[in-house]
């Protein structure tokens, strides 16, 4: 095999590897009108995680979890002035962009960590 063929093969392999590099995921700008903004979705998700924690406690007390869940989520959606359908549509939309959805979940978990730290700090200051 001559040197020209080796260089040509190396060139195409390099081009192939470079073209496989993942491109940055970008949301449409502006978002469709029925989609909740990224920031609002992360706050809703944070509140939903908190509600889920409360529901676990209610479940341990053998109370009507469904009734409480409906009330919790109703109040979350009311707080952010969105409907369940808007939330569901937005969730489906963001999951079409997995890196964006993952970032949303990561931010919601970070928000929970901050809230947990604030609560612990308040408890320590009481004592």
C-alpha atoms as a PDB file:
ATOM      1  CA  UNK A   1       0.000   0.000   0.000  1.00  0.00           C
ATOM      2  CA  UNK A   2       1.512   3.293  -0.940  1.00  0.00           C
ATOM      3  CA  UNK A   3       1.697   6.402   1.268  1.00  0.00           C
ATOM      4  CA  UNK A   4      -0.983   8.218  -0.749  1.00  0.00           C
ATOM      5  CA  UNK A   5      -3.587   5.544   0.049  1.00  0.00           C
ATOM      6  CA  UNK A   6      -2.662   5.616   3.749  1.00  0.00           C
ATOM      7  CA  UNK A   7      -2.999   9.414   3.882  1.00  0.00           C
ATOM      8  CA  UNK A   8      -6.293   9.256   1.994  1.00  0.00           C
ATOM      9  CA  UNK A   9      -7.709   6.630   4.384  1.00  0.00           C
ATOM     10  CA  UNK A  10      -6.493   8.616   7.409  1.00  0.00           C
ATOM     11  CA  UNK A  11      -8.107  11.753   5.982  1.00  0.00           C
ATOM     12  CA  UNK A  12     -11.509  10.100   5.534  1.00  0.00           C
ATOM     13  CA  UNK A  13     -11.368   8.450   8.958  1.00  0.00           C
ATOM     14  CA  UNK A  14     -10.574  11.834  10.529  1.00  0.00           C
ATOM     15  CA  UNK A  15     -13.397  13.533   8.616  1.00  0.00           C
ATOM     16  CA  UNK A  16     -15.755  10.754   9.689  1.00  0.00           C
ATOM     17  CA  UNK A  17     -14.807  11.121  13.350  1.00  0.00           C
ATOM     18  CA  UNK A  18     -15.068  14.907  13.310  1.00  0.00           C
ATOM     19  CA  UNK A  19     -18.464  14.835  11.606  1.00  0.00           C
ATOM     20  CA  UNK A  20     -19.757  12.456  14.309  1.00  0.00           C
ATOM     21  CA  UNK A  21     -19.065  15.077  16.956  1.00  0.00           C
ATOM     22  CA  UNK A  22     -22.316  15.940  18.730  1.00  0.00           C
ATOM     23  CA  UNK A  23     -23.657  19.330  17.806  1.00  0.00           C
ATOM     24  CA  UNK A  24     -24.977  21.727  20.431  1.00  0.00           C
ATOM     25  CA  UNK A  25     -28.678  21.294  21.042  1.00  0.00           C
ATOM     26  CA  UNK A  26     -30.570  24.552  20.652  1.00  0.00           C
ATOM     27  CA  UNK A  27     -34.232  25.125  21.400  1.00  0.00           C
ATOM     28  CA  UNK A  28     -36.358  26.956  18.853  1.00  0.00           C
ATOM     29  CA  UNK A  29     -36.384  30.705  19.449  1.00  0.00           C
ATOM     30  CA  UNK A  30     -38.999  31.776  20.188  1.00  0.00           C
ATOM     31  CA  UNK A  31     -40.553  28.742  21.863  1.00  0.00           C
ATOM     32  CA  UNK A  32     -43.946  27.647  20.589  1.00  0.00           C
ATOM     33  CA  UNK A  33     -46.659  29.662  22.350  1.00  0.00           C
ATOM     34  CA  UNK A  34     -48.076  26.672  24.235  1.00  0.00           C
ATOM     35  CA  UNK A  35     -44.694  25.725  25.759  1.00  0.00           C
ATOM     36  CA  UNK A  36     -43.758  26.809  29.281  1.00  0.00           C
ATOM     37  CA  UNK A  37     -40.392  28.585  29.506  1.00  0.00           C
ATOM     38  CA  UNK A  38     -37.305  26.637  30.583  1.00  0.00           C
ATOM     39  CA  UNK A  39     -36.934  28.612  33.837  1.00  0.00           C
ATOM     40  CA  UNK A  40     -40.578  28.230  34.803  1.00  0.00           C
ATOM     41  CA  UNK A  41     -40.477  24.511  34.011  1.00  0.00           C
ATOM     42  CA  UNK A  42     -37.492  24.032  36.321  1.00  0.00           C
ATOM     43  CA  UNK A  43     -39.335  25.822  39.130  1.00  0.00           C
ATOM     44  CA  UNK A  44     -42.477  23.741  38.538  1.00  0.00           C
ATOM     45  CA  UNK A  45     -40.387  20.575  38.555  1.00  0.00           C
ATOM     46  CA  UNK A  46     -38.716  21.655  41.809  1.00  0.00           C
ATOM     47  CA  UNK A  47     -42.127  22.163  43.404  1.00  0.00           C
ATOM     48  CA  UNK A  48     -43.309  18.815  42.004  1.00  0.00           C
ATOM     49  CA  UNK A  49     -40.332  17.073  43.646  1.00  0.00           C
ATOM     50  CA  UNK A  50     -41.252  18.729  46.946  1.00  0.00           C
ATOM     51  CA  UNK A  51     -44.876  17.622  46.484  1.00  0.00           C
ATOM     52  CA  UNK A  52     -43.736  14.057  45.777  1.00  0.00           C
ATOM     53  CA  UNK A  53     -41.780  14.076  49.046  1.00  0.00           C
ATOM     54  CA  UNK A  54     -44.877  15.256  50.889  1.00  0.00           C
ATOM     55  CA  UNK A  55     -46.958  12.570  49.214  1.00  0.00           C
ATOM     56  CA  UNK A  56     -44.511   9.893  50.391  1.00  0.00           C
ATOM     57  CA  UNK A  57     -45.038  11.105  53.971  1.00  0.00           C
ATOM     58  CA  UNK A  58     -48.818  11.062  53.523  1.00  0.00           C
ATOM     59  CA  UNK A  59     -48.618   7.572  52.062  1.00  0.00           C
ATOM     60  CA  UNK A  60     -46.764   6.408  55.192  1.00  0.00           C
ATOM     61  CA  UNK A  61     -49.689   7.688  57.247  1.00  0.00           C
ATOM     62  CA  UNK A  62     -52.108   5.623  55.123  1.00  0.00           C
ATOM     63  CA  UNK A  63     -54.078   8.664  54.077  1.00  0.00           C
ATOM     64  CA  UNK A  64     -55.754   9.297  50.736  1.00  0.00           C
ATOM     65  CA  UNK A  65     -52.710  10.004  48.578  1.00  0.00           C
ATOM     66  CA  UNK A  66     -54.658  10.649  45.364  1.00  0.00           C
ATOM     67  CA  UNK A  67     -56.744  13.389  46.955  1.00  0.00           C
ATOM     68  CA  UNK A  68     -53.629  15.071  48.339  1.00  0.00           C
ATOM     69  CA  UNK A  69     -51.737  14.657  45.049  1.00  0.00           C
ATOM     70  CA  UNK A  70     -54.526  16.354  43.126  1.00  0.00           C
ATOM     71  CA  UNK A  71     -54.514  19.244  45.600  1.00  0.00           C
ATOM     72  CA  UNK A  72     -50.713  19.586  45.571  1.00  0.00           C
ATOM     73  CA  UNK A  73     -50.466  19.641  41.793  1.00  0.00           C
ATOM     74  CA  UNK A  74     -53.498  21.884  41.414  1.00  0.00           C
ATOM     75  CA  UNK A  75     -51.810  24.450  43.681  1.00  0.00           C
ATOM     76  CA  UNK A  76     -48.476  24.155  41.855  1.00  0.00           C
ATOM     77  CA  UNK A  77     -50.103  24.793  38.486  1.00  0.00           C
ATOM     78  CA  UNK A  78     -52.148  27.624  39.978  1.00  0.00           C
ATOM     79  CA  UNK A  79     -48.981  29.193  41.426  1.00  0.00           C
ATOM     80  CA  UNK A  80     -47.354  29.296  37.973  1.00  0.00           C
ATOM     81  CA  UNK A  81     -50.606  30.083  36.115  1.00  0.00           C
ATOM     82  CA  UNK A  82     -50.394  27.013  33.883  1.00  0.00           C
ATOM     83  CA  UNK A  83     -52.689  24.077  33.224  1.00  0.00           C
ATOM     84  CA  UNK A  84     -51.882  20.404  33.523  1.00  0.00           C
ATOM     85  CA  UNK A  85     -52.175  20.114  29.733  1.00  0.00           C
ATOM     86  CA  UNK A  86     -49.634  22.934  29.236  1.00  0.00           C
ATOM     87  CA  UNK A  87     -47.270  21.208  31.649  1.00  0.00           C
ATOM     88  CA  UNK A  88     -47.688  17.834  29.946  1.00  0.00           C
ATOM     89  CA  UNK A  89     -47.219  19.359  26.470  1.00  0.00           C
ATOM     90  CA  UNK A  90     -44.131  21.236  27.642  1.00  0.00           C
ATOM     91  CA  UNK A  91     -42.667  18.127  29.256  1.00  0.00           C
ATOM     92  CA  UNK A  92     -43.084  16.177  26.010  1.00  0.00           C
ATOM     93  CA  UNK A  93     -41.561  19.095  24.070  1.00  0.00           C
ATOM     94  CA  UNK A  94     -38.453  19.346  26.285  1.00  0.00           C
ATOM     95  CA  UNK A  95     -37.922  15.575  26.200  1.00  0.00           C
ATOM     96  CA  UNK A  96     -37.434  15.879  22.436  1.00  0.00           C
ATOM     97  CA  UNK A  97     -34.182  17.645  23.417  1.00  0.00           C
ATOM     98  CA  UNK A  98     -32.636  15.176  25.922  1.00  0.00           C
ATOM     99  CA  UNK A  99     -29.627  17.332  26.926  1.00  0.00           C
ATOM    100  CA  UNK A 100     -31.982  20.251  27.646  1.00  0.00           C
ATOM    101  CA  UNK A 101     -34.360  18.021  29.635  1.00  0.00           C
ATOM    102  CA  UNK A 102     -31.426  16.598  31.587  1.00  0.00           C
ATOM    103  CA  UNK A 103     -30.225  20.115  32.392  1.00  0.00           C
ATOM    104  CA  UNK A 104     -33.730  20.980  33.569  1.00  0.00           C
ATOM    105  CA  UNK A 105     -33.765  18.006  35.943  1.00  0.00           C
ATOM    106  CA  UNK A 106     -30.256  18.863  37.174  1.00  0.00           C
ATOM    107  CA  UNK A 107     -31.285  22.439  37.963  1.00  0.00           C
ATOM    108  CA  UNK A 108     -34.396  21.233  39.798  1.00  0.00           C
ATOM    109  CA  UNK A 109     -32.216  18.936  41.925  1.00  0.00           C
ATOM    110  CA  UNK A 110     -29.795  21.813  42.591  1.00  0.00           C
ATOM    111  CA  UNK A 111     -32.764  23.945  43.671  1.00  0.00           C
ATOM    112  CA  UNK A 112     -33.774  21.210  46.104  1.00  0.00           C
ATOM    113  CA  UNK A 113     -30.243  21.063  47.497  1.00  0.00           C
ATOM    114  CA  UNK A 114     -30.263  24.829  48.079  1.00  0.00           C
ATOM    115  CA  UNK A 115     -33.634  24.614  49.824  1.00  0.00           C
ATOM    116  CA  UNK A 116     -32.403  21.737  51.981  1.00  0.00           C
ATOM    117  CA  UNK A 117     -29.317  23.739  52.986  1.00  0.00           C
ATOM    118  CA  UNK A 118     -31.457  26.756  53.877  1.00  0.00           C
ATOM    119  CA  UNK A 119     -33.734  24.616  56.056  1.00  0.00           C
ATOM    120  CA  UNK A 120     -30.781  23.003  57.829  1.00  0.00           C
ATOM    121  CA  UNK A 121     -29.234  26.417  58.422  1.00  0.00           C
ATOM    122  CA  UNK A 122     -32.473  27.757  59.923  1.00  0.00           C
ATOM    123  CA  UNK A 123     -32.743  24.707  62.188  1.00  0.00           C
ATOM    124  CA  UNK A 124     -29.150  25.138  63.354  1.00  0.00           C
ATOM    125  CA  UNK A 125     -29.738  28.833  64.078  1.00  0.00           C
ATOM    126  CA  UNK A 126     -32.782  27.978  66.217  1.00  0.00           C
ATOM    127  CA  UNK A 127     -30.643  25.873  68.547  1.00  0.00           C
END
